[in-house]
Amino acid sequence: MCSLILLCFFLLCVGPNLALLTSSSILHNSSSVPLCHEAESSALLHFLKPFTIMFDDKTRSWKEGTDCCEWEGIRCHPLTNHVIGLDLSFSGIKGTIESNSSLFLLRH
């Protein structure tokens, strides 16, 4: 009985959100059109330009015309596809982030 109550609670609380995330990821994987926003993709590519690549790093997947939500080190919102995270730890890049960096154009 307790298991049934817990299952019902889980489905009521988490179920609708789980369905949204699942349908979003299905759409994301089945689409051949890049889903990240072009302005954000461009900002990320411009951000990377002044850096020196020290070794084969996370940014090797960063290519113009590809979905930036699929790039290594980039995290996008599952519903809006806006860039919401950037992880360049252990990425082998060297340089300084300037105060006018295009990175600051990423608002989400």
N, C-alpha and C. Protein backbone atom coordinates (compact mmCIF):
# COMPACT_ATOMS: atom_id res chain seq x y z
N MET A 1 0.83 -1.19 0.00
CA MET A 1 0.00 0.00 0.00
C MET A 1 0.87 1.26 0.00
N CYS A 2 1.90 1.25 0.83
CA CYS A 2 2.80 2.39 0.92
C CYS A 2 3.51 2.62 -0.41
N SER A 3 3.90 1.55 -1.08
CA SER A 3 4.56 1.66 -2.39
C SER A 3 3.65 2.30 -3.41
N LEU A 4 2.38 1.94 -3.38
CA LEU A 4 1.41 2.50 -4.31
C LEU A 4 1.23 3.99 -4.07
N ILE A 5 1.19 4.40 -2.84
CA ILE A 5 1.05 5.82 -2.49
C ILE A 5 2.28 6.60 -2.96
N LEU A 6 3.47 6.04 -2.73
CA LEU A 6 4.70 6.70 -3.18
C LEU A 6 4.75 6.82 -4.70
N LEU A 7 4.33 5.78 -5.40
CA LEU A 7 4.31 5.81 -6.86
C LEU A 7 3.35 6.88 -7.36
N CYS A 8 2.17 6.96 -6.79
CA CYS A 8 1.19 7.99 -7.17
C CYS A 8 1.74 9.39 -6.90
N PHE A 9 2.38 9.57 -5.76
CA PHE A 9 2.97 10.87 -5.42
C PHE A 9 4.05 11.24 -6.44
N PHE A 10 4.90 10.29 -6.77
CA PHE A 10 5.96 10.52 -7.75
C PHE A 10 5.37 10.93 -9.10
N LEU A 11 4.38 10.20 -9.56
CA LEU A 11 3.77 10.50 -10.86
C LEU A 11 3.09 11.86 -10.87
N LEU A 12 2.46 12.23 -9.76
CA LEU A 12 1.79 13.53 -9.69
C LEU A 12 2.79 14.68 -9.65
N CYS A 13 3.88 14.53 -8.91
CA CYS A 13 4.84 15.61 -8.74
C CYS A 13 5.87 15.68 -9.85
N VAL A 14 6.41 14.56 -10.24
CA VAL A 14 7.53 14.54 -11.19
C VAL A 14 7.07 14.20 -12.59
N GLY A 15 6.03 13.42 -12.70
CA GLY A 15 5.57 12.93 -14.00
C GLY A 15 5.41 13.99 -15.08
N PRO A 16 4.68 15.09 -14.84
CA PRO A 16 4.52 16.11 -15.90
C PRO A 16 5.84 16.72 -16.34
N ASN A 17 6.74 16.99 -15.41
CA ASN A 17 8.04 17.56 -15.77
C ASN A 17 8.88 16.56 -16.53
N LEU A 18 8.81 15.30 -16.14
CA LEU A 18 9.56 14.25 -16.82
C LEU A 18 9.10 14.11 -18.25
N ALA A 19 7.79 14.22 -18.48
CA ALA A 19 7.25 14.13 -19.83
C ALA A 19 7.75 15.29 -20.69
N LEU A 20 7.79 16.49 -20.14
CA LEU A 20 8.28 17.64 -20.88
C LEU A 20 9.74 17.47 -21.28
N LEU A 21 10.57 17.04 -20.34
CA LEU A 21 11.99 16.86 -20.63
C LEU A 21 12.21 15.74 -21.62
N THR A 22 11.44 14.67 -21.52
CA THR A 22 11.60 13.55 -22.44
C THR A 22 11.18 13.96 -23.84
N SER A 23 10.06 14.65 -23.99
CA SER A 23 9.63 15.05 -25.33
C SER A 23 10.59 16.07 -25.92
N SER A 24 11.16 16.93 -25.08
CA SER A 24 12.14 17.90 -25.57
C SER A 24 13.39 17.20 -26.08
N SER A 25 13.87 16.19 -25.35
CA SER A 25 15.08 15.52 -25.78
C SER A 25 14.83 14.68 -27.02
N ILE A 26 13.62 14.14 -27.18
CA ILE A 26 13.29 13.40 -28.40
C ILE A 26 13.30 14.35 -29.58
N LEU A 27 12.68 15.52 -29.43
CA LEU A 27 12.68 16.50 -30.51
C LEU A 27 14.10 16.96 -30.82
N HIS A 28 14.88 17.18 -29.77
CA HIS A 28 16.25 17.65 -29.94
C HIS A 28 17.08 16.66 -30.74
N ASN A 29 16.94 15.37 -30.45
CA ASN A 29 17.75 14.35 -31.11
C ASN A 29 17.28 14.05 -32.52
N SER A 30 16.00 14.26 -32.81
CA SER A 30 15.49 13.89 -34.12
C SER A 30 15.61 15.01 -35.14
N SER A 31 15.93 16.20 -34.69
CA SER A 31 16.00 17.35 -35.59
C SER A 31 17.40 17.49 -36.17
N SER A 32 17.45 17.80 -37.48
CA SER A 32 18.76 18.03 -38.10
C SER A 32 19.09 19.51 -38.13
N VAL A 33 18.15 20.36 -37.73
CA VAL A 33 18.36 21.80 -37.69
C VAL A 33 18.99 22.16 -36.35
N PRO A 34 20.08 22.97 -36.35
CA PRO A 34 20.67 23.36 -35.07
C PRO A 34 19.64 24.03 -34.18
N LEU A 35 19.63 23.65 -32.92
CA LEU A 35 18.64 24.16 -31.99
C LEU A 35 19.14 25.31 -31.13
N CYS A 36 20.45 25.47 -31.03
CA CYS A 36 20.92 26.58 -30.22
C CYS A 36 20.70 27.88 -31.01
N HIS A 37 20.65 28.95 -30.29
CA HIS A 37 20.39 30.23 -30.92
C HIS A 37 21.66 30.72 -31.63
N GLU A 38 21.50 31.19 -32.84
CA GLU A 38 22.64 31.59 -33.67
C GLU A 38 23.49 32.66 -33.00
N ALA A 39 22.86 33.62 -32.35
CA ALA A 39 23.61 34.68 -31.67
C ALA A 39 24.47 34.11 -30.55
N GLU A 40 23.96 33.10 -29.85
CA GLU A 40 24.72 32.49 -28.76
C GLU A 40 25.87 31.65 -29.30
N SER A 41 25.62 30.93 -30.37
CA SER A 41 26.68 30.15 -31.02
C SER A 41 27.80 31.07 -31.48
N SER A 42 27.43 32.16 -32.11
CA SER A 42 28.40 33.14 -32.60
C SER A 42 29.19 33.76 -31.45
N ALA A 43 28.50 34.09 -30.35
CA ALA A 43 29.16 34.68 -29.18
C ALA A 43 30.19 33.71 -28.60
N LEU A 44 29.85 32.43 -28.55
CA LEU A 44 30.78 31.43 -28.02
C LEU A 44 32.01 31.30 -28.91
N LEU A 45 31.81 31.30 -30.23
CA LEU A 45 32.94 31.18 -31.16
C LEU A 45 33.84 32.41 -31.09
N HIS A 46 33.24 33.60 -30.96
CA HIS A 46 34.04 34.82 -30.83
C HIS A 46 34.77 34.87 -29.50
N PHE A 47 34.13 34.35 -28.46
CA PHE A 47 34.76 34.29 -27.14
C PHE A 47 36.05 33.47 -27.19
N LEU A 48 36.03 32.40 -27.97
CA LEU A 48 37.16 31.47 -28.01
C LEU A 48 38.35 32.00 -28.81
N LYS A 49 38.12 32.90 -29.76
CA LYS A 49 39.17 33.33 -30.69
C LYS A 49 40.47 33.81 -30.04
N PRO A 50 40.46 34.65 -29.01
CA PRO A 50 41.73 35.16 -28.49
C PRO A 50 42.53 34.15 -27.65
N PHE A 51 41.95 32.99 -27.36
CA PHE A 51 42.63 32.02 -26.51
C PHE A 51 43.60 31.17 -27.32
N THR A 52 44.63 30.70 -26.64
CA THR A 52 45.58 29.75 -27.22
C THR A 52 45.14 28.36 -26.80
N ILE A 53 45.04 27.46 -27.78
CA ILE A 53 44.68 26.07 -27.50
C ILE A 53 45.98 25.32 -27.19
N MET A 54 46.13 24.85 -25.96
CA MET A 54 47.37 24.20 -25.53
C MET A 54 47.43 22.73 -25.95
N PHE A 55 46.31 22.04 -25.98
CA PHE A 55 46.24 20.64 -26.39
C PHE A 55 44.83 20.34 -26.84
N ASP A 56 44.62 19.15 -27.38
CA ASP A 56 43.30 18.74 -27.85
C ASP A 56 42.30 18.91 -26.70
N ASP A 57 41.41 19.84 -26.84
CA ASP A 57 40.58 20.24 -25.72
C ASP A 57 39.09 20.06 -26.00
N LYS A 58 38.29 20.53 -25.06
CA LYS A 58 36.84 20.44 -25.17
C LYS A 58 36.31 21.21 -26.37
N THR A 59 37.00 22.24 -26.77
CA THR A 59 36.46 23.11 -27.82
C THR A 59 36.64 22.56 -29.23
N ARG A 60 37.21 21.37 -29.36
CA ARG A 60 37.37 20.79 -30.70
C ARG A 60 36.01 20.52 -31.36
N SER A 61 34.97 20.38 -30.56
CA SER A 61 33.63 20.15 -31.12
C SER A 61 32.93 21.46 -31.50
N TRP A 62 33.53 22.60 -31.17
CA TRP A 62 32.93 23.89 -31.45
C TRP A 62 33.16 24.26 -32.91
N LYS A 63 32.18 24.04 -33.75
CA LYS A 63 32.29 24.32 -35.18
C LYS A 63 31.11 25.16 -35.62
N GLU A 64 31.41 26.16 -36.43
CA GLU A 64 30.35 27.01 -36.99
C GLU A 64 29.40 26.14 -37.79
N GLY A 65 28.11 26.42 -37.66
CA GLY A 65 27.09 25.68 -38.40
C GLY A 65 26.63 24.40 -37.72
N THR A 66 27.17 24.13 -36.52
CA THR A 66 26.70 22.96 -35.77
C THR A 66 25.94 23.43 -34.54
N ASP A 67 25.20 22.54 -33.96
CA ASP A 67 24.36 22.87 -32.81
C ASP A 67 25.23 23.07 -31.56
N CYS A 68 25.31 24.30 -31.08
CA CYS A 68 26.17 24.57 -29.92
C CYS A 68 25.67 23.86 -28.67
N CYS A 69 24.41 23.45 -28.65
CA CYS A 69 23.90 22.69 -27.50
C CYS A 69 24.53 21.29 -27.45
N GLU A 70 25.14 20.87 -28.55
CA GLU A 70 25.81 19.57 -28.60
C GLU A 70 27.32 19.70 -28.37
N TRP A 71 27.83 20.91 -28.26
CA TRP A 71 29.26 21.12 -28.08
C TRP A 71 29.68 20.68 -26.69
N GLU A 72 30.87 20.11 -26.60
CA GLU A 72 31.40 19.70 -25.31
C GLU A 72 31.64 20.94 -24.44
N GLY A 73 31.20 20.86 -23.19
CA GLY A 73 31.38 21.97 -22.25
C GLY A 73 30.24 22.98 -22.27
N ILE A 74 29.26 22.80 -23.14
CA ILE A 74 28.12 23.71 -23.23
C ILE A 74 26.88 23.01 -22.71
N ARG A 75 26.12 23.73 -21.91
CA ARG A 75 24.85 23.19 -21.40
C ARG A 75 23.74 24.14 -21.83
N CYS A 76 22.69 23.59 -22.43
CA CYS A 76 21.55 24.39 -22.88
C CYS A 76 20.30 24.02 -22.09
N HIS A 77 19.41 24.98 -21.99
CA HIS A 77 18.12 24.74 -21.34
C HIS A 77 17.35 23.73 -22.20
N PRO A 78 16.75 22.70 -21.60
CA PRO A 78 16.09 21.66 -22.37
C PRO A 78 14.86 22.10 -23.15
N LEU A 79 14.26 23.21 -22.78
CA LEU A 79 13.06 23.67 -23.49
C LEU A 79 13.32 24.86 -24.40
N THR A 80 14.17 25.80 -23.96
CA THR A 80 14.39 27.01 -24.76
C THR A 80 15.63 26.93 -25.64
N ASN A 81 16.52 25.99 -25.34
CA ASN A 81 17.79 25.82 -26.04
C ASN A 81 18.73 27.02 -25.92
N HIS A 82 18.50 27.86 -24.91
CA HIS A 82 19.45 28.93 -24.62
C HIS A 82 20.64 28.33 -23.87
N VAL A 83 21.82 28.86 -24.11
CA VAL A 83 23.01 28.43 -23.39
C VAL A 83 22.88 28.88 -21.95
N ILE A 84 22.98 27.93 -21.02
CA ILE A 84 22.85 28.25 -19.60
C ILE A 84 24.07 27.81 -18.80
N GLY A 85 25.01 27.14 -19.46
CA GLY A 85 26.19 26.69 -18.73
C GLY A 85 27.39 26.56 -19.63
N LEU A 86 28.55 26.84 -19.06
CA LEU A 86 29.82 26.74 -19.78
C LEU A 86 30.84 26.13 -18.84
N ASP A 87 31.42 24.99 -19.23
CA ASP A 87 32.42 24.32 -18.42
C ASP A 87 33.66 24.09 -19.27
N LEU A 88 34.67 24.91 -19.05
CA LEU A 88 35.93 24.78 -19.79
C LEU A 88 37.05 24.28 -18.88
N SER A 89 36.68 23.67 -17.76
CA SER A 89 37.70 23.12 -16.87
C SER A 89 38.44 22.00 -17.59
N PHE A 90 39.74 21.94 -17.38
CA PHE A 90 40.61 20.94 -18.00
C PHE A 90 40.49 20.94 -19.52
N SER A 91 40.31 22.13 -20.10
CA SER A 91 40.08 22.22 -21.54
C SER A 91 41.33 22.58 -22.33
N GLY A 92 42.41 22.93 -21.67
CA GLY A 92 43.65 23.21 -22.39
C GLY A 92 43.68 24.54 -23.12
N ILE A 93 42.88 25.51 -22.67
CA ILE A 93 42.95 26.83 -23.29
C ILE A 93 43.68 27.78 -22.36
N LYS A 94 44.36 28.75 -22.97
CA LYS A 94 45.14 29.70 -22.19
C LYS A 94 44.84 31.10 -22.69
N GLY A 95 44.58 32.01 -21.77
CA GLY A 95 44.30 33.38 -22.13
C GLY A 95 43.55 34.11 -21.04
N THR A 96 43.12 35.31 -21.35
CA THR A 96 42.43 36.17 -20.40
C THR A 96 41.06 36.53 -20.94
N ILE A 97 40.07 36.55 -20.06
CA ILE A 97 38.74 36.99 -20.45
C ILE A 97 38.69 38.51 -20.28
N GLU A 98 38.54 39.21 -21.38
CA GLU A 98 38.49 40.67 -21.36
C GLU A 98 37.10 41.14 -20.92
N SER A 99 37.01 42.37 -20.43
CA SER A 99 35.74 42.91 -19.94
C SER A 99 34.71 43.10 -21.06
N ASN A 100 35.18 43.17 -22.31
CA ASN A 100 34.24 43.32 -23.44
C ASN A 100 34.06 42.00 -24.20
N SER A 101 34.35 40.88 -23.55
CA SER A 101 34.23 39.56 -24.18
C SER A 101 32.80 39.29 -24.62
N SER A 102 32.68 38.60 -25.74
CA SER A 102 31.35 38.22 -26.23
C SER A 102 30.67 37.23 -25.28
N LEU A 103 31.41 36.67 -24.35
CA LEU A 103 30.83 35.79 -23.36
C LEU A 103 29.72 36.50 -22.58
N PHE A 104 29.87 37.79 -22.39
CA PHE A 104 28.88 38.54 -21.63
C PHE A 104 27.61 38.82 -22.43
N LEU A 105 27.57 38.41 -23.68
CA LEU A 105 26.35 38.50 -24.48
C LEU A 105 25.40 37.34 -24.17
N LEU A 106 25.90 36.33 -23.52
CA LEU A 106 25.08 35.17 -23.13
C LEU A 106 24.32 35.54 -21.86
N ARG A 107 23.05 35.79 -21.97
CA ARG A 107 22.27 36.34 -20.87
C ARG A 107 21.47 35.31 -20.08
N HIS A 108 21.41 34.09 -20.53
CA HIS A 108 20.52 33.11 -19.89
C HIS A 108 21.29 32.31 -18.94
